[in-house]
Amino acid sequence: MIDEERQERVNRLKNLRILLDSMESSRVTLIGDVMLDRYHHGYANNLNSTAPVPVLKITSSEESPGAAAHIARGLHSLGLSVAFYSCVGGDSEGQTIKSLLNEDGIDVSGIELVHGVKTLTKIRFYGSRQSLLDQEQILLQADRGPLDDLDKSVSSSLVDSALTSIPNSCALVISDYDKGVLTDEGAQILINSAKEHKIPSIVDPKLTGLERSRGATVVLFEIRGLELLRRRLMLEDSSLTAKHLIDEYEWDSLVILGGVNGVTLYQSNGDVEHHECNAQTPIQQIGLHDAAATALAASLGHQNSMSDAVALVSAACDCVLSAEASHEFVDRKELSLWLDDLSWQLQISDR
């Protein structure tokens, strides 16, 4: 027999598993910055003859839509309808993003094309020693994108479009990389609209743009971001920092992503809840924020409690931590299998 607390965890996981099979009729409004992720893989067996840097012999390359597009792909994979609002430049990278999303079956009509602007592109080079190491390591990341600020009229247009979608949605997700899609004013208009229509607002902000998250249902940080703010605010510990931020920006909850250190939930009523990382062999963290935002939207959008939602966040983060770098969005099949496995492990661990 398993104890009462463990049985409660098993029941929660089973309920979340059932949730994943009942989302087809729900819609999420998503707005945020988008980028193209490019990956080059190969062998780094030698150093350059003129500098102490590895020479990468590229054996394969791939690309995928990133940033808010990760969330769109994750939500779509879970069976949700996605009303996605963003913009891309009038270049080949922008067209690639729209084409790949369209191939996935995601509606791209809300993605505006802005001529004269370069689409943000993150290029990552991974390498290993041939015949010696199986696991790759990132060698270099190169970013290419717009040099000038995006015209505010683009943001206004996207916000206006997103507003029309909110009344028919179960959740609002704002993914802000501070690339111009969202302004403080635009974010507040959307969050206030979500409140009026009684749907949760999930915000993944830049630390320099916290004002855009004011009044949100739940906000996402990494653990290092919370520590940085703790030092700036000169507070004693993480709990005091979380309470200060929740009070200052009028959030209902704050979710801290710790990677191998698990996921911690801080709520406005003072409750704190921690979920340990269950990924046995974490190998990467690209897409962690987006996986968490996806899980929160799916769970809170279906009237689950914040505690249940964070349990799904924890499982989604475990899946991403265990994935290959080029498969960094939440996949319904993998998440379902993960929940089944966690439930089974809890039930047999005391036998």
Protein backbone atom coordinates (compact mmCIF):
# COMPACT_ATOMS: atom_id res chain seq x y z
CA MET A 1 0.00 0.00 0.00
CA ILE A 2 1.23 3.50 -0.79
CA ASP A 3 0.75 6.37 1.63
CA GLU A 4 -1.96 9.02 1.29
CA GLU A 5 0.37 11.76 0.01
CA ARG A 6 1.82 9.53 -2.67
CA GLN A 7 -1.63 8.34 -3.71
CA GLU A 8 -2.66 11.99 -4.11
CA ARG A 9 0.31 12.55 -6.44
CA VAL A 10 -0.62 9.44 -8.45
CA ASN A 11 -4.21 10.65 -8.81
CA ARG A 12 -3.01 14.08 -9.93
CA LEU A 13 -0.77 12.58 -12.60
CA LYS A 14 -3.58 10.35 -13.85
CA ASN A 15 -5.95 13.32 -14.05
CA LEU A 16 -3.37 15.31 -16.01
CA ARG A 17 -2.94 12.35 -18.33
CA ILE A 18 -6.69 12.34 -18.97
CA LEU A 19 -6.55 16.09 -19.59
CA LEU A 20 -4.15 15.60 -22.49
CA ASP A 21 -6.79 13.55 -24.30
CA SER A 22 -9.56 16.16 -24.02
CA MET A 23 -8.25 19.43 -25.45
CA GLU A 24 -9.28 19.39 -29.10
CA SER A 25 -12.05 22.00 -28.81
CA SER A 26 -10.05 24.58 -26.83
CA ARG A 27 -8.27 27.66 -28.17
CA VAL A 28 -5.29 29.63 -26.82
CA THR A 29 -4.37 33.17 -27.80
CA LEU A 30 -0.59 33.47 -28.12
CA ILE A 31 1.37 36.64 -28.83
CA GLY A 32 5.12 37.14 -28.74
CA ASP A 33 8.44 37.35 -30.50
CA VAL A 34 9.52 34.63 -32.87
CA MET A 35 12.91 33.53 -34.19
CA LEU A 36 14.47 30.89 -36.38
CA ASP A 37 16.67 28.32 -34.63
CA ARG A 38 19.43 26.83 -36.79
CA TYR A 39 21.50 23.88 -35.63
CA HIS A 40 24.76 22.61 -37.11
CA HIS A 41 26.09 19.28 -35.82
CA GLY A 42 29.46 17.70 -36.44
CA TYR A 43 32.85 16.60 -35.17
CA ALA A 44 35.40 18.87 -33.52
CA ASN A 45 38.55 16.77 -33.64
CA ASN A 46 41.16 19.47 -34.15
CA LEU A 47 42.05 23.03 -33.22
CA ASN A 48 42.47 25.80 -35.75
CA SER A 49 46.12 26.27 -36.74
CA THR A 50 46.05 30.01 -36.07
CA ALA A 51 43.83 30.23 -32.97
CA PRO A 52 42.90 27.99 -29.99
CA VAL A 53 39.40 27.28 -31.30
CA PRO A 54 37.91 23.99 -32.51
CA VAL A 55 37.37 23.32 -36.20
CA LEU A 56 33.87 21.89 -36.66
CA LYS A 57 33.36 19.38 -39.48
CA ILE A 58 29.62 19.75 -40.06
CA THR A 59 27.79 16.49 -40.70
CA SER A 60 24.17 17.67 -40.48
CA SER A 61 22.11 20.85 -40.22
CA GLU A 62 18.50 21.62 -39.38
CA GLU A 63 16.27 24.56 -38.51
CA SER A 64 13.02 25.12 -36.65
CA PRO A 65 10.80 28.02 -35.55
CA GLY A 66 11.75 29.19 -32.06
CA ALA A 67 10.78 31.48 -29.17
CA ALA A 68 6.97 31.95 -29.15
CA ALA A 69 6.77 29.51 -32.07
CA HIS A 70 7.93 26.76 -29.67
CA ILE A 71 4.83 27.45 -27.61
CA ALA A 72 2.63 27.43 -30.71
CA ARG A 73 4.03 24.06 -31.74
CA GLY A 74 3.68 22.66 -28.24
CA LEU A 75 0.07 23.80 -27.87
CA HIS A 76 -0.76 22.42 -31.31
CA SER A 77 0.88 19.10 -30.42
CA LEU A 78 -1.29 18.87 -27.29
CA GLY A 79 -4.37 19.20 -29.49
CA LEU A 80 -5.18 22.85 -28.80
CA SER A 81 -6.14 25.41 -31.42
CA VAL A 82 -3.65 28.30 -31.49
CA ALA A 83 -4.39 31.89 -32.46
CA PHE A 84 -0.78 33.02 -32.93
CA TYR A 85 0.18 36.69 -33.34
CA SER A 86 3.75 37.72 -34.16
CA CYS A 87 5.83 39.17 -36.98
CA VAL A 88 8.79 38.17 -39.16
CA GLY A 89 11.03 40.06 -41.52
CA GLY A 90 10.68 40.06 -45.27
CA ASP A 91 13.60 37.65 -45.69
CA SER A 92 14.13 33.95 -46.30
CA GLU A 93 14.31 33.22 -42.57
CA GLY A 94 10.90 34.79 -42.01
CA GLN A 95 9.43 32.78 -44.85
CA THR A 96 11.00 29.60 -43.45
CA ILE A 97 9.34 30.19 -40.07
CA LYS A 98 5.91 30.61 -41.66
CA SER A 99 6.40 27.64 -43.98
CA LEU A 100 7.48 25.29 -41.18
CA LEU A 101 4.61 26.34 -38.92
CA ASN A 102 2.18 25.94 -41.81
CA GLU A 103 3.53 22.41 -42.42
CA ASP A 104 2.78 21.63 -38.78
CA GLY A 105 -0.83 22.67 -39.35
CA ILE A 106 -0.56 25.94 -37.36
CA ASP A 107 -2.47 28.96 -38.68
CA VAL A 108 0.06 31.65 -39.67
CA SER A 109 -2.43 34.31 -40.75
CA GLY A 110 -1.71 36.25 -37.54
CA ILE A 111 2.02 36.49 -38.29
CA GLU A 112 2.66 39.82 -39.98
CA LEU A 113 5.43 40.25 -42.53
CA VAL A 114 7.49 43.42 -42.00
CA HIS A 115 9.59 44.40 -45.00
CA GLY A 116 13.02 45.88 -44.38
CA VAL A 117 13.44 44.03 -41.09
CA LYS A 118 15.69 41.02 -40.53
CA THR A 119 14.19 38.02 -38.76
CA LEU A 120 15.99 37.12 -35.55
CA THR A 121 18.01 33.97 -36.17
CA LYS A 122 19.95 32.00 -33.55
CA ILE A 123 22.62 29.72 -34.99
CA ARG A 124 24.07 27.05 -32.70
CA PHE A 125 27.07 24.86 -33.46
CA TYR A 126 27.31 21.50 -31.69
CA GLY A 127 30.30 19.19 -31.76
CA SER A 128 31.81 16.05 -30.30
CA ARG A 129 35.03 14.05 -30.72
CA GLN A 130 34.58 11.47 -33.46
CA SER A 131 34.65 7.86 -32.17
CA LEU A 132 35.27 9.09 -28.62
CA LEU A 133 32.18 10.97 -27.45
CA ASP A 134 28.52 10.37 -28.29
CA GLN A 135 27.10 13.41 -26.51
CA GLU A 136 27.49 16.74 -28.26
CA GLN A 137 28.40 20.04 -26.63
CA ILE A 138 27.52 23.49 -27.85
CA LEU A 139 30.61 25.21 -29.24
CA LEU A 140 29.21 28.55 -30.34
CA GLN A 141 25.98 30.51 -30.68
CA ALA A 142 25.68 33.29 -33.23
CA ASP A 143 22.71 35.68 -33.27
CA ARG A 144 21.58 37.64 -36.31
CA GLY A 145 18.61 39.98 -36.33
CA PRO A 146 17.21 43.49 -36.69
CA LEU A 147 19.48 46.44 -35.91
CA ASP A 148 16.68 48.96 -35.42
CA ASP A 149 13.63 48.92 -33.14
CA LEU A 150 10.41 47.61 -34.60
CA ASP A 151 7.89 50.30 -35.48
CA LYS A 152 5.30 50.54 -32.69
CA SER A 153 2.50 50.44 -35.24
CA VAL A 154 3.33 46.75 -35.80
CA SER A 155 2.84 46.00 -32.11
CA SER A 156 -0.42 47.96 -32.02
CA SER A 157 -1.75 46.02 -34.99
CA LEU A 158 -0.83 42.66 -33.43
CA VAL A 159 -2.40 43.58 -30.08
CA ASP A 160 -5.61 44.68 -31.80
CA SER A 161 -5.76 41.36 -33.63
CA ALA A 162 -5.09 39.35 -30.46
CA LEU A 163 -7.86 41.21 -28.65
CA THR A 164 -10.42 39.83 -31.09
CA SER A 165 -9.30 36.28 -30.24
CA ILE A 166 -9.39 36.48 -26.43
CA PRO A 167 -13.20 36.20 -26.00
CA ASN A 168 -13.11 32.79 -27.70
CA SER A 169 -10.01 31.49 -25.91
CA CYS A 170 -9.37 29.49 -22.76
CA ALA A 171 -6.01 31.17 -22.02
CA LEU A 172 -3.71 34.02 -23.04
CA VAL A 173 0.04 33.48 -23.38
CA ILE A 174 2.52 36.35 -23.74
CA SER A 175 6.08 35.37 -24.71
CA ASP A 176 8.24 38.50 -24.57
CA TYR A 177 11.82 38.51 -25.85
CA ASP A 178 11.82 42.34 -25.97
CA LYS A 179 12.09 42.40 -29.77
CA GLY A 180 9.23 44.83 -30.31
CA VAL A 181 6.13 42.70 -30.70
CA LEU A 182 4.90 43.87 -27.28
CA THR A 183 4.96 47.24 -25.54
CA ASP A 184 4.09 47.89 -21.88
CA GLU A 185 0.79 49.40 -22.95
CA GLY A 186 -0.07 46.59 -25.36
CA ALA A 187 0.67 43.88 -22.81
CA GLN A 188 -1.54 45.60 -20.21
CA ILE A 189 -4.42 45.86 -22.67
CA LEU A 190 -4.23 42.12 -23.32
CA ILE A 191 -3.89 41.09 -19.66
CA ASN A 192 -6.83 43.32 -18.70
CA SER A 193 -8.91 41.81 -21.48
CA ALA A 194 -8.07 38.31 -20.24
CA LYS A 195 -9.26 39.32 -16.76
CA GLU A 196 -12.49 40.69 -18.16
CA HIS A 197 -13.16 37.41 -19.94
CA LYS A 198 -12.10 35.37 -16.89
CA ILE A 199 -9.30 33.46 -18.60
CA PRO A 200 -5.77 32.98 -17.21
CA SER A 201 -2.87 35.07 -18.52
CA ILE A 202 0.54 33.38 -18.63
CA VAL A 203 3.52 35.70 -19.15
CA ASP A 204 7.16 34.82 -19.85
CA PRO A 205 8.86 38.23 -19.58
CA LYS A 206 12.34 39.61 -19.90
CA LEU A 207 13.69 40.73 -16.54
CA THR A 208 13.98 44.21 -17.99
CA GLY A 209 10.31 44.19 -19.00
CA LEU A 210 8.46 43.12 -15.88
CA GLU A 211 6.00 45.99 -16.20
CA ARG A 212 4.56 44.13 -19.20
CA SER A 213 3.52 41.32 -16.86
CA ARG A 214 1.63 43.46 -14.32
CA GLY A 215 -1.56 41.76 -13.17
CA ALA A 216 -0.80 38.40 -14.83
CA THR A 217 -2.20 35.16 -13.49
CA VAL A 218 1.24 33.54 -13.52
CA VAL A 219 4.74 34.65 -14.51
CA LEU A 220 7.74 32.47 -15.44
CA PHE A 221 11.38 32.98 -14.40
CA GLU A 222 14.52 30.91 -14.42
CA ILE A 223 16.14 30.33 -11.04
CA ARG A 224 19.12 32.51 -11.98
CA GLY A 225 16.76 35.36 -12.84
CA LEU A 226 15.19 35.21 -9.38
CA GLU A 227 18.65 35.20 -7.81
CA LEU A 228 19.70 38.22 -9.87
CA LEU A 229 16.64 40.15 -8.73
CA ARG A 230 17.22 39.06 -5.13
CA ARG A 231 20.65 40.66 -5.25
CA ARG A 232 19.35 43.82 -6.87
CA LEU A 233 16.62 44.13 -4.25
CA MET A 234 19.07 43.20 -1.47
CA LEU A 235 16.69 40.64 0.03
CA GLU A 236 17.68 37.67 2.15
CA ASP A 237 16.26 34.71 0.26
CA SER A 238 14.22 33.52 -2.72
CA SER A 239 10.92 33.39 -0.83
CA LEU A 240 11.15 37.04 0.21
CA THR A 241 12.12 38.01 -3.34
CA ALA A 242 9.19 36.10 -4.82
CA LYS A 243 6.77 37.70 -2.35
CA HIS A 244 8.12 41.17 -3.13
CA LEU A 245 7.74 40.66 -6.89
CA ILE A 246 4.25 39.16 -6.57
CA ASP A 247 3.12 42.12 -4.48
CA GLU A 248 4.88 44.72 -6.62
CA TYR A 249 3.51 43.51 -9.96
CA GLU A 250 0.17 42.13 -8.73
CA TRP A 251 0.74 38.57 -9.93
CA ASP A 252 -1.30 35.65 -8.65
CA SER A 253 1.64 33.26 -8.93
CA LEU A 254 5.30 33.01 -9.86
CA VAL A 255 6.81 29.80 -11.29
CA ILE A 256 10.58 29.36 -11.03
CA LEU A 257 12.29 26.99 -13.47
CA GLY A 258 15.36 25.42 -11.93
CA GLY A 259 16.30 22.85 -14.58
CA VAL A 260 17.91 19.95 -12.70
CA ASN A 261 16.81 21.71 -9.49
CA GLY A 262 13.14 21.26 -10.34
CA VAL A 263 10.23 23.70 -10.44
CA THR A 264 9.03 25.94 -7.59
CA LEU A 265 5.65 27.66 -7.31
CA TYR A 266 5.15 30.81 -5.23
CA GLN A 267 1.58 32.05 -4.79
CA SER A 268 0.17 35.37 -3.65
CA ASN A 269 -1.42 33.70 -0.59
CA GLY A 270 2.06 32.71 0.62
CA ASP A 271 1.92 29.04 -0.39
CA VAL A 272 5.15 27.56 -1.77
CA GLU A 273 5.32 24.24 -3.64
CA HIS A 274 8.38 22.49 -5.07
CA HIS A 275 8.56 19.70 -7.65
CA GLU A 276 11.81 17.77 -8.00
CA CYS A 277 13.35 17.16 -11.41
CA ASN A 278 12.71 13.56 -12.51
CA ALA A 279 14.79 13.64 -15.70
CA GLN A 280 17.39 10.92 -15.18
CA THR A 281 19.84 12.19 -17.80
CA PRO A 282 19.28 15.93 -18.46
CA ILE A 283 21.21 16.90 -21.57
CA GLN A 284 19.91 20.34 -22.62
CA GLN A 285 17.58 23.20 -21.63
CA ILE A 286 16.61 24.94 -24.89
CA GLY A 287 12.86 25.52 -24.85
CA LEU A 288 12.39 25.13 -21.08
CA HIS A 289 10.43 28.39 -20.68
CA ASP A 290 8.27 27.59 -23.68
CA ALA A 291 7.46 24.10 -22.41
CA ALA A 292 6.40 25.59 -19.08
CA ALA A 293 4.21 28.22 -20.74
CA THR A 294 2.59 25.53 -22.88
CA ALA A 295 1.81 23.34 -19.87
CA LEU A 296 0.40 26.26 -17.88
CA ALA A 297 -1.89 27.33 -20.72
CA ALA A 298 -3.13 23.78 -21.27
CA SER A 299 -3.82 23.11 -17.60
CA LEU A 300 -5.07 26.50 -16.36
CA GLY A 301 -7.09 26.92 -19.55
CA HIS A 302 -9.07 23.85 -18.52
CA GLN A 303 -9.82 25.12 -15.00
CA ASN A 304 -7.18 23.05 -13.24
CA SER A 305 -5.68 24.37 -10.01
CA MET A 306 -2.33 26.15 -10.04
CA SER A 307 -0.86 23.22 -8.12
CA ASP A 308 -2.01 20.77 -10.81
CA ALA A 309 -0.77 23.12 -13.52
CA VAL A 310 2.72 23.22 -12.00
CA ALA A 311 2.77 19.43 -11.79
CA LEU A 312 2.26 19.42 -15.56
CA VAL A 313 4.95 22.12 -15.93
CA SER A 314 7.38 19.89 -14.04
CA ALA A 315 6.65 16.94 -16.33
CA ALA A 316 6.95 19.10 -19.45
CA CYS A 317 10.30 20.48 -18.28
CA ASP A 318 11.56 16.96 -17.61
CA CYS A 319 10.70 16.03 -21.20
CA VAL A 320 12.60 19.03 -22.59
CA LEU A 321 15.62 18.45 -20.35
CA SER A 322 15.82 14.88 -21.67
CA ALA A 323 15.28 15.78 -25.35
CA GLU A 324 17.71 16.35 -28.15
CA ALA A 325 18.50 20.03 -28.68
CA SER A 326 16.55 20.16 -31.91
CA HIS A 327 13.34 18.75 -30.35
CA GLU A 328 12.71 21.40 -27.74
CA PHE A 329 8.94 21.88 -27.79
CA VAL A 330 6.42 19.87 -25.78
CA ASP A 331 5.15 16.81 -27.63
CA ARG A 332 1.81 15.29 -26.62
CA LYS A 333 2.94 11.69 -27.03
CA GLU A 334 6.16 12.13 -25.06
CA LEU A 335 4.43 14.07 -22.29
CA SER A 336 1.72 11.43 -22.00
CA LEU A 337 4.29 8.65 -21.74
CA TRP A 338 6.21 10.66 -19.14
CA LEU A 339 3.11 11.11 -16.97
CA ASP A 340 2.30 7.40 -17.27
CA ASP A 341 5.85 6.48 -16.26
CA LEU A 342 5.92 8.84 -13.26
CA SER A 343 2.58 7.48 -12.06
CA TRP A 344 3.79 3.90 -12.41
CA GLN A 345 7.07 4.59 -10.60
CA LEU A 346 5.20 6.14 -7.66
CA GLN A 347 2.94 3.11 -7.39
CA ILE A 348 5.70 0.48 -7.48
CA SER A 349 8.39 2.31 -5.48
CA ASP A 350 7.16 0.95 -2.13
CA ARG A 351 6.51 -2.59 -3.24
